[in-house]
Amino acid sequence: MQLVALALAAAAAAADVPLPTGPQLAYQRMELVATVGFQMNTYTGTQWCGPDNWNTGVMTSKPSTFNPGPNFDVAQWADVVASYGAKGAWMDTKHVCGFLLWPTNTTLPDGRPYGYDVGAPGAYGVDVVAAFKAAFEKKGIKPGYYYSLTYNYYANVVANHGIVRSNATFEKGMVYLTQDEYDDLCLRQLRELWTRYDVGDASEVWFDGGVPVYPKAAAGLKALVSELIPNVPAFGGNGVSANAIKWVGDESGLPLKGIW
């Protein structure tokens, strides 16, 4: 009787052990995944768009500041990544500044174009996301797509899951949105990104900074993930994706305690 009880207890314990999904296993088996950090803040020499560069110096408020010039060569990036054997690579399609590396058709609540992307008037005019996808797939490297939900300096969202709105932080060139308007804009841009570039077979998507804490926005994102990318590993996607992934530490490379 005691042996039977022990066997049942062991079986119950084993049933409680979390097992990886198929997409999570496939992600681990890639072993090496590259990060392509190329965005508006590339031109600031810092990680951020902020008060010290938004309307002064390099003026990150101007879409034309992002200008790689005639030597822009994504194929060279792909050659480098392939040379050390990476099987996947993700690029920050929208980093903390709010600048989009694809020409968007999304609009602001009043109907105006989003206005802060490579397709905006006076901007670079090249679809960087499309070029990235084509070059890396040609090398047999699965592309991935980063989109920051919790930072968008253009929309006055800074280090926060919600809108940071005050006279002290709102600057010329920003757009003024309510929380619901911002959440809706993010979902529309993600739908555009994930459908236009066929992200359903991506190496991964990144929700840097995590996902929305507001129930309505979180539910909308979960539904969009389920509809368009149900089998794509999602960094920071705990709560909205069945295939959430996370590193063991942070950008220092050191492990941290308390990571889910």
C-alpha atoms as a PDB file:
ATOM      1  CA  MET A   1       0.000   0.000   0.000  1.00  0.00           C
ATOM      2  CA  GLN A   2       2.851   2.335   0.843  1.00  0.00           C
ATOM      3  CA  LEU A   3       4.523   1.659  -2.527  1.00  0.00           C
ATOM      4  CA  VAL A   4       1.272   2.385  -4.361  1.00  0.00           C
ATOM      5  CA  ALA A   5       0.882   5.654  -2.475  1.00  0.00           C
ATOM      6  CA  LEU A   6       4.458   6.665  -3.326  1.00  0.00           C
ATOM      7  CA  ALA A   7       3.909   5.814  -6.985  1.00  0.00           C
ATOM      8  CA  LEU A   8       0.726   7.889  -7.114  1.00  0.00           C
ATOM      9  CA  ALA A   9       2.468  10.807  -5.427  1.00  0.00           C
ATOM     10  CA  ALA A  10       5.354  10.614  -7.915  1.00  0.00           C
ATOM     11  CA  ALA A  11       2.928  10.531 -10.855  1.00  0.00           C
ATOM     12  CA  ALA A  12       1.045  13.541  -9.502  1.00  0.00           C
ATOM     13  CA  ALA A  13       4.289  15.462  -9.029  1.00  0.00           C
ATOM     14  CA  ALA A  14       5.402  14.639 -12.578  1.00  0.00           C
ATOM     15  CA  ALA A  15       2.055  15.844 -13.936  1.00  0.00           C
ATOM     16  CA  ASP A  16       2.666  19.230 -12.311  1.00  0.00           C
ATOM     17  CA  VAL A  17       6.024  19.738 -14.044  1.00  0.00           C
ATOM     18  CA  PRO A  18       5.611  22.321 -16.835  1.00  0.00           C
ATOM     19  CA  LEU A  19       6.600  21.037 -20.262  1.00  0.00           C
ATOM     20  CA  PRO A  20       7.737  23.183 -23.214  1.00  0.00           C
ATOM     21  CA  THR A  21       5.483  23.647 -26.211  1.00  0.00           C
ATOM     22  CA  GLY A  22       6.600  22.623 -29.692  1.00  0.00           C
ATOM     23  CA  PRO A  23       7.456  26.214 -30.698  1.00  0.00           C
ATOM     24  CA  GLN A  24       9.416  26.700 -27.451  1.00  0.00           C
ATOM     25  CA  LEU A  25      11.446  23.554 -28.163  1.00  0.00           C
ATOM     26  CA  ALA A  26      12.105  24.645 -31.746  1.00  0.00           C
ATOM     27  CA  TYR A  27      13.276  28.017 -30.459  1.00  0.00           C
ATOM     28  CA  GLN A  28      15.740  26.393 -28.030  1.00  0.00           C
ATOM     29  CA  ARG A  29      17.086  24.138 -30.769  1.00  0.00           C
ATOM     30  CA  MET A  30      18.081  27.161 -32.837  1.00  0.00           C
ATOM     31  CA  GLU A  31      20.743  27.688 -30.123  1.00  0.00           C
ATOM     32  CA  LEU A  32      21.952  31.017 -31.559  1.00  0.00           C
ATOM     33  CA  VAL A  33      19.643  33.966 -32.262  1.00  0.00           C
ATOM     34  CA  ALA A  34      20.992  37.362 -33.323  1.00  0.00           C
ATOM     35  CA  THR A  35      19.760  40.805 -32.291  1.00  0.00           C
ATOM     36  CA  VAL A  36      19.672  43.553 -34.918  1.00  0.00           C
ATOM     37  CA  GLY A  37      19.551  46.873 -33.088  1.00  0.00           C
ATOM     38  CA  PHE A  38      19.004  49.564 -35.714  1.00  0.00           C
ATOM     39  CA  GLN A  39      16.529  52.329 -35.026  1.00  0.00           C
ATOM     40  CA  MET A  40      15.996  56.062 -34.604  1.00  0.00           C
ATOM     41  CA  ASN A  41      18.066  56.046 -31.416  1.00  0.00           C
ATOM     42  CA  THR A  42      21.000  54.638 -33.429  1.00  0.00           C
ATOM     43  CA  TYR A  43      21.604  58.267 -34.385  1.00  0.00           C
ATOM     44  CA  THR A  44      21.613  59.608 -30.825  1.00  0.00           C
ATOM     45  CA  GLY A  45      24.507  57.581 -29.421  1.00  0.00           C
ATOM     46  CA  THR A  46      22.176  56.628 -26.559  1.00  0.00           C
ATOM     47  CA  GLN A  47      19.503  53.994 -25.954  1.00  0.00           C
ATOM     48  CA  TRP A  48      16.640  56.458 -25.796  1.00  0.00           C
ATOM     49  CA  CYS A  49      14.752  59.230 -27.404  1.00  0.00           C
ATOM     50  CA  GLY A  50      14.334  61.865 -24.705  1.00  0.00           C
ATOM     51  CA  PRO A  51      14.340  65.546 -23.778  1.00  0.00           C
ATOM     52  CA  ASP A  52      18.037  65.849 -24.613  1.00  0.00           C
ATOM     53  CA  ASN A  53      17.545  64.841 -28.257  1.00  0.00           C
ATOM     54  CA  TRP A  54      13.852  65.037 -29.176  1.00  0.00           C
ATOM     55  CA  ASN A  55      13.860  68.644 -30.402  1.00  0.00           C
ATOM     56  CA  THR A  56      17.548  69.491 -29.975  1.00  0.00           C
ATOM     57  CA  GLY A  57      20.764  68.228 -31.521  1.00  0.00           C
ATOM     58  CA  VAL A  58      19.982  65.271 -33.781  1.00  0.00           C
ATOM     59  CA  MET A  59      16.239  65.966 -33.319  1.00  0.00           C
ATOM     60  CA  THR A  60      14.780  62.490 -33.027  1.00  0.00           C
ATOM     61  CA  SER A  61      11.335  64.094 -33.387  1.00  0.00           C
ATOM     62  CA  LYS A  62      12.028  64.376 -37.144  1.00  0.00           C
ATOM     63  CA  PRO A  63      11.433  61.175 -39.182  1.00  0.00           C
ATOM     64  CA  SER A  64      14.181  62.306 -41.583  1.00  0.00           C
ATOM     65  CA  THR A  65      16.790  61.882 -38.829  1.00  0.00           C
ATOM     66  CA  PHE A  66      16.654  58.141 -39.499  1.00  0.00           C
ATOM     67  CA  ASN A  67      18.711  58.107 -42.695  1.00  0.00           C
ATOM     68  CA  PRO A  68      21.107  55.188 -43.336  1.00  0.00           C
ATOM     69  CA  GLY A  69      22.076  56.667 -46.695  1.00  0.00           C
ATOM     70  CA  PRO A  70      23.131  54.957 -49.916  1.00  0.00           C
ATOM     71  CA  ASN A  71      25.320  52.345 -48.210  1.00  0.00           C
ATOM     72  CA  PHE A  72      22.382  50.690 -46.425  1.00  0.00           C
ATOM     73  CA  ASP A  73      22.985  46.963 -46.951  1.00  0.00           C
ATOM     74  CA  VAL A  74      20.879  44.478 -45.001  1.00  0.00           C
ATOM     75  CA  ALA A  75      22.440  41.610 -46.954  1.00  0.00           C
ATOM     76  CA  GLN A  76      25.735  42.394 -45.231  1.00  0.00           C
ATOM     77  CA  TRP A  77      24.036  41.998 -41.839  1.00  0.00           C
ATOM     78  CA  ALA A  78      22.688  38.618 -42.923  1.00  0.00           C
ATOM     79  CA  ASP A  79      26.155  37.531 -44.104  1.00  0.00           C
ATOM     80  CA  VAL A  80      27.637  38.355 -40.691  1.00  0.00           C
ATOM     81  CA  VAL A  81      24.889  36.562 -38.772  1.00  0.00           C
ATOM     82  CA  ALA A  82      25.140  33.499 -41.034  1.00  0.00           C
ATOM     83  CA  SER A  83      28.923  33.424 -40.602  1.00  0.00           C
ATOM     84  CA  TYR A  84      28.649  32.430 -36.949  1.00  0.00           C
ATOM     85  CA  GLY A  85      25.795  29.995 -37.394  1.00  0.00           C
ATOM     86  CA  ALA A  86      22.761  31.818 -35.985  1.00  0.00           C
ATOM     87  CA  LYS A  87      19.494  30.254 -37.098  1.00  0.00           C
ATOM     88  CA  GLY A  88      17.296  33.228 -36.166  1.00  0.00           C
ATOM     89  CA  ALA A  89      17.540  37.014 -35.918  1.00  0.00           C
ATOM     90  CA  TRP A  90      15.107  39.606 -34.623  1.00  0.00           C
ATOM     91  CA  MET A  91      15.028  43.306 -35.369  1.00  0.00           C
ATOM     92  CA  ASP A  92      13.452  46.167 -33.423  1.00  0.00           C
ATOM     93  CA  THR A  93      10.714  47.197 -35.851  1.00  0.00           C
ATOM     94  CA  LYS A  94       9.506  49.764 -33.284  1.00  0.00           C
ATOM     95  CA  HIS A  95      11.826  50.646 -30.424  1.00  0.00           C
ATOM     96  CA  VAL A  96      11.281  53.010 -27.506  1.00  0.00           C
ATOM     97  CA  CYS A  97      11.160  56.162 -29.640  1.00  0.00           C
ATOM     98  CA  GLY A  98       7.985  54.981 -31.364  1.00  0.00           C
ATOM     99  CA  PHE A  99       9.529  55.127 -34.852  1.00  0.00           C
ATOM    100  CA  LEU A 100       8.372  52.384 -37.241  1.00  0.00           C
ATOM    101  CA  LEU A 101      10.800  50.739 -39.661  1.00  0.00           C
ATOM    102  CA  TRP A 102       8.003  49.962 -42.070  1.00  0.00           C
ATOM    103  CA  PRO A 103       5.771  52.441 -43.948  1.00  0.00           C
ATOM    104  CA  THR A 104       2.540  52.199 -42.004  1.00  0.00           C
ATOM    105  CA  ASN A 105      -1.025  52.785 -43.123  1.00  0.00           C
ATOM    106  CA  THR A 106      -2.200  53.145 -39.529  1.00  0.00           C
ATOM    107  CA  THR A 107      -3.678  56.485 -38.571  1.00  0.00           C
ATOM    108  CA  LEU A 108      -4.152  58.585 -35.459  1.00  0.00           C
ATOM    109  CA  PRO A 109      -7.627  58.896 -33.923  1.00  0.00           C
ATOM    110  CA  ASP A 110      -8.340  62.079 -35.902  1.00  0.00           C
ATOM    111  CA  GLY A 111      -7.565  60.334 -39.201  1.00  0.00           C
ATOM    112  CA  ARG A 112      -4.103  61.793 -39.759  1.00  0.00           C
ATOM    113  CA  PRO A 113      -1.298  59.396 -40.783  1.00  0.00           C
ATOM    114  CA  TYR A 114       0.745  58.006 -37.897  1.00  0.00           C
ATOM    115  CA  GLY A 115       3.520  60.269 -39.166  1.00  0.00           C
ATOM    116  CA  TYR A 116       6.555  58.750 -37.446  1.00  0.00           C
ATOM    117  CA  ASP A 117       7.828  55.987 -39.725  1.00  0.00           C
ATOM    118  CA  VAL A 118      10.089  55.391 -42.713  1.00  0.00           C
ATOM    119  CA  GLY A 119       7.204  56.268 -45.033  1.00  0.00           C
ATOM    120  CA  ALA A 120       6.428  59.656 -43.471  1.00  0.00           C
ATOM    121  CA  PRO A 121       7.020  62.829 -45.557  1.00  0.00           C
ATOM    122  CA  GLY A 122      10.737  63.563 -45.759  1.00  0.00           C
ATOM    123  CA  ALA A 123      11.678  60.211 -44.191  1.00  0.00           C
ATOM    124  CA  TYR A 124      14.069  57.582 -45.541  1.00  0.00           C
ATOM    125  CA  GLY A 125      11.404  55.970 -47.699  1.00  0.00           C
ATOM    126  CA  VAL A 126      12.797  52.419 -47.613  1.00  0.00           C
ATOM    127  CA  ASP A 127      10.825  49.553 -46.060  1.00  0.00           C
ATOM    128  CA  VAL A 128      13.542  48.336 -43.691  1.00  0.00           C
ATOM    129  CA  VAL A 129      11.421  45.490 -42.309  1.00  0.00           C
ATOM    130  CA  ALA A 130      10.831  44.081 -45.806  1.00  0.00           C
ATOM    131  CA  ALA A 131      14.536  44.363 -46.643  1.00  0.00           C
ATOM    132  CA  PHE A 132      15.444  42.628 -43.368  1.00  0.00           C
ATOM    133  CA  LYS A 133      12.998  39.781 -43.969  1.00  0.00           C
ATOM    134  CA  ALA A 134      14.139  39.187 -47.554  1.00  0.00           C
ATOM    135  CA  ALA A 135      17.876  39.258 -46.798  1.00  0.00           C
ATOM    136  CA  PHE A 136      17.739  36.977 -43.781  1.00  0.00           C
ATOM    137  CA  GLU A 137      15.361  34.440 -45.300  1.00  0.00           C
ATOM    138  CA  LYS A 138      17.654  34.229 -48.329  1.00  0.00           C
ATOM    139  CA  LYS A 139      20.387  33.059 -45.938  1.00  0.00           C
ATOM    140  CA  GLY A 140      18.093  30.515 -44.293  1.00  0.00           C
ATOM    141  CA  ILE A 141      17.806  32.609 -41.107  1.00  0.00           C
ATOM    142  CA  LYS A 142      14.333  32.949 -39.607  1.00  0.00           C
ATOM    143  CA  PRO A 143      13.509  36.619 -38.983  1.00  0.00           C
ATOM    144  CA  GLY A 144      11.910  37.840 -35.768  1.00  0.00           C
ATOM    145  CA  TYR A 145      10.159  41.078 -34.906  1.00  0.00           C
ATOM    146  CA  TYR A 146      10.456  43.318 -31.842  1.00  0.00           C
ATOM    147  CA  TYR A 147       7.697  45.811 -31.025  1.00  0.00           C
ATOM    148  CA  SER A 148       7.772  47.765 -27.771  1.00  0.00           C
ATOM    149  CA  LEU A 149       4.303  48.144 -26.256  1.00  0.00           C
ATOM    150  CA  THR A 150       5.309  49.919 -23.060  1.00  0.00           C
ATOM    151  CA  TYR A 151       7.524  52.646 -24.534  1.00  0.00           C
ATOM    152  CA  ASN A 152       6.667  55.155 -27.242  1.00  0.00           C
ATOM    153  CA  TYR A 153       8.251  58.554 -26.723  1.00  0.00           C
ATOM    154  CA  TYR A 154       6.392  59.938 -29.740  1.00  0.00           C
ATOM    155  CA  ALA A 155       3.133  59.177 -27.904  1.00  0.00           C
ATOM    156  CA  ASN A 156       4.474  60.389 -24.536  1.00  0.00           C
ATOM    157  CA  VAL A 157       4.700  56.835 -23.170  1.00  0.00           C
ATOM    158  CA  VAL A 158       7.894  56.396 -21.171  1.00  0.00           C
ATOM    159  CA  ALA A 159       8.867  53.393 -19.032  1.00  0.00           C
ATOM    160  CA  ASN A 160       5.269  52.729 -18.221  1.00  0.00           C
ATOM    161  CA  HIS A 161       2.466  50.362 -19.155  1.00  0.00           C
ATOM    162  CA  GLY A 162       0.176  53.360 -19.528  1.00  0.00           C
ATOM    163  CA  ILE A 163       0.155  56.868 -20.848  1.00  0.00           C
ATOM    164  CA  VAL A 164       2.425  59.377 -19.133  1.00  0.00           C
ATOM    165  CA  ARG A 165       0.556  62.625 -19.680  1.00  0.00           C
ATOM    166  CA  SER A 166       1.555  65.953 -18.204  1.00  0.00           C
ATOM    167  CA  ASN A 167       2.658  69.378 -19.304  1.00  0.00           C
ATOM    168  CA  ALA A 168       6.098  68.531 -17.982  1.00  0.00           C
ATOM    169  CA  THR A 169       6.609  65.590 -20.346  1.00  0.00           C
ATOM    170  CA  PHE A 170       4.580  66.514 -23.418  1.00  0.00           C
ATOM    171  CA  GLU A 171       6.806  68.058 -26.086  1.00  0.00           C
ATOM    172  CA  LYS A 172       6.332  69.616 -29.501  1.00  0.00           C
ATOM    173  CA  GLY A 173       6.135  66.901 -32.143  1.00  0.00           C
ATOM    174  CA  MET A 174       4.483  64.340 -29.876  1.00  0.00           C
ATOM    175  CA  VAL A 175       0.952  63.058 -30.390  1.00  0.00           C
ATOM    176  CA  TYR A 176      -1.660  63.277 -27.659  1.00  0.00           C
ATOM    177  CA  LEU A 177      -3.558  60.019 -27.087  1.00  0.00           C
ATOM    178  CA  THR A 178      -5.787  58.586 -24.399  1.00  0.00           C
ATOM    179  CA  GLN A 179      -4.973  55.200 -22.934  1.00  0.00           C
ATOM    180  CA  ASP A 180      -7.633  53.452 -25.047  1.00  0.00           C
ATOM    181  CA  GLU A 181      -6.450  55.249 -28.184  1.00  0.00           C
ATOM    182  CA  TYR A 182      -2.861  54.205 -27.551  1.00  0.00           C
ATOM    183  CA  ASP A 183      -3.783  50.568 -26.901  1.00  0.00           C
ATOM    184  CA  ASP A 184      -5.899  50.504 -30.071  1.00  0.00           C
ATOM    185  CA  LEU A 185      -3.042  52.008 -32.104  1.00  0.00           C
ATOM    186  CA  CYS A 186      -0.623  49.336 -30.866  1.00  0.00           C
ATOM    187  CA  LEU A 187      -3.012  46.531 -31.810  1.00  0.00           C
ATOM    188  CA  ARG A 188      -3.596  48.011 -35.271  1.00  0.00           C
ATOM    189  CA  GLN A 189       0.139  48.367 -35.875  1.00  0.00           C
ATOM    190  CA  LEU A 190       0.824  44.821 -34.705  1.00  0.00           C
ATOM    191  CA  ARG A 191      -1.903  43.475 -36.978  1.00  0.00           C
ATOM    192  CA  GLU A 192      -0.359  45.340 -39.893  1.00  0.00           C
ATOM    193  CA  LEU A 193       3.161  44.158 -39.055  1.00  0.00           C
ATOM    194  CA  TRP A 194       2.223  40.522 -38.480  1.00  0.00           C
ATOM    195  CA  THR A 195       0.066  40.206 -41.587  1.00  0.00           C
ATOM    196  CA  ARG A 196       2.067  42.266 -44.078  1.00  0.00           C
ATOM    197  CA  TYR A 197       5.309  40.419 -43.318  1.00  0.00           C
ATOM    198  CA  ASP A 198       3.796  36.954 -42.748  1.00  0.00           C
ATOM    199  CA  VAL A 199       5.068  36.750 -39.175  1.00  0.00           C
ATOM    200  CA  GLY A 200       3.213  33.485 -38.526  1.00  0.00           C
ATOM    201  CA  ASP A 201       6.442  31.625 -39.250  1.00  0.00           C
ATOM    202  CA  ALA A 202       8.780  34.015 -37.400  1.00  0.00           C
ATOM    203  CA  SER A 203      11.639  32.904 -35.161  1.00  0.00           C
ATOM    204  CA  GLU A 204      10.091  34.976 -32.376  1.00  0.00           C
ATOM    205  CA  VAL A 205       8.306  38.202 -31.527  1.00  0.00           C
ATOM    206  CA  TRP A 206       9.413  40.530 -28.748  1.00  0.00           C
ATOM    207  CA  PHE A 207       7.234  42.460 -26.343  1.00  0.00           C
ATOM    208  CA  ASP A 208      10.055  44.335 -24.655  1.00  0.00           C
ATOM    209  CA  GLY A 209       8.941  45.707 -21.320  1.00  0.00           C
ATOM    210  CA  GLY A 210       6.144  43.147 -21.165  1.00  0.00           C
ATOM    211  CA  VAL A 211       2.513  43.260 -22.200  1.00  0.00           C
ATOM    212  CA  PRO A 212      -0.286  45.647 -21.181  1.00  0.00           C
ATOM    213  CA  VAL A 213      -1.530  45.462 -17.616  1.00  0.00           C
ATOM    214  CA  TYR A 214      -4.959  46.847 -18.480  1.00  0.00           C
ATOM    215  CA  PRO A 215      -7.487  44.008 -18.914  1.00  0.00           C
ATOM    216  CA  LYS A 216      -9.022  45.348 -22.139  1.00  0.00           C
ATOM    217  CA  ALA A 217      -5.652  45.843 -23.847  1.00  0.00           C
ATOM    218  CA  ALA A 218      -4.280  42.522 -22.579  1.00  0.00           C
ATOM    219  CA  ALA A 219      -7.371  40.669 -23.826  1.00  0.00           C
ATOM    220  CA  GLY A 220      -7.076  42.344 -27.229  1.00  0.00           C
ATOM    221  CA  LEU A 221      -3.422  41.397 -27.539  1.00  0.00           C
ATOM    222  CA  LYS A 222      -4.095  37.802 -26.461  1.00  0.00           C
ATOM    223  CA  ALA A 223      -6.805  37.493 -29.103  1.00  0.00           C
ATOM    224  CA  LEU A 224      -4.512  38.937 -31.786  1.00  0.00           C
ATOM    225  CA  VAL A 225      -1.704  36.530 -30.853  1.00  0.00           C
ATOM    226  CA  SER A 226      -4.119  33.603 -30.992  1.00  0.00           C
ATOM    227  CA  GLU A 227      -5.431  34.701 -34.382  1.00  0.00           C
ATOM    228  CA  LEU A 228      -2.200  35.578 -36.191  1.00  0.00           C
ATOM    229  CA  ILE A 229       0.830  34.058 -34.445  1.00  0.00           C
ATOM    230  CA  PRO A 230      -0.393  31.106 -32.316  1.00  0.00           C
ATOM    231  CA  ASN A 231       2.802  29.129 -32.938  1.00  0.00           C
ATOM    232  CA  VAL A 232       5.402  31.879 -32.627  1.00  0.00           C
ATOM    233  CA  PRO A 233       7.579  32.124 -29.478  1.00  0.00           C
ATOM    234  CA  ALA A 234       6.859  35.430 -27.746  1.00  0.00           C
ATOM    235  CA  PHE A 235       9.505  37.089 -25.591  1.00  0.00           C
ATOM    236  CA  GLY A 236       7.807  38.807 -22.670  1.00  0.00           C
ATOM    237  CA  GLY A 237       4.529  37.262 -23.786  1.00  0.00           C
ATOM    238  CA  ASN A 238       3.558  35.620 -20.505  1.00  0.00           C
ATOM    239  CA  GLY A 239      -0.209  35.829 -20.144  1.00  0.00           C
ATOM    240  CA  VAL A 240      -0.960  36.416 -23.834  1.00  0.00           C
ATOM    241  CA  SER A 241       0.932  33.600 -25.588  1.00  0.00           C
ATOM    242  CA  ALA A 242       1.096  29.855 -24.975  1.00  0.00           C
ATOM    243  CA  ASN A 243       4.691  30.035 -26.236  1.00  0.00           C
ATOM    244  CA  ALA A 244       6.122  32.710 -23.935  1.00  0.00           C
ATOM    245  CA  ILE A 245       9.907  32.830 -23.648  1.00  0.00           C
ATOM    246  CA  LYS A 246      12.298  34.777 -21.403  1.00  0.00           C
ATOM    247  CA  TRP A 247      16.007  34.946 -20.836  1.00  0.00           C
ATOM    248  CA  VAL A 248      17.451  33.840 -17.487  1.00  0.00           C
ATOM    249  CA  GLY A 249      18.784  37.305 -16.698  1.00  0.00           C
ATOM    250  CA  ASP A 250      18.861  40.616 -18.508  1.00  0.00           C
ATOM    251  CA  GLU A 251      21.004  42.482 -21.020  1.00  0.00           C
ATOM    252  CA  SER A 252      24.010  42.109 -18.715  1.00  0.00           C
ATOM    253  CA  GLY A 253      23.972  38.368 -19.383  1.00  0.00           C
ATOM    254  CA  LEU A 254      23.758  37.662 -15.648  1.00  0.00           C
ATOM    255  CA  PRO A 255      20.939  35.525 -14.200  1.00  0.00           C
ATOM    256  CA  LEU A 256      18.386  37.242 -12.003  1.00  0.00           C
ATOM    257  CA  LYS A 257      16.309  35.882  -9.157  1.00  0.00           C
ATOM    258  CA  GLY A 258      12.541  35.917  -9.330  1.00  0.00           C
ATOM    259  CA  ILE A 259      12.242  35.592 -13.111  1.00  0.00           C
ATOM    260  CA  TRP A 260       9.146  33.624 -14.035  1.00  0.00           C
END
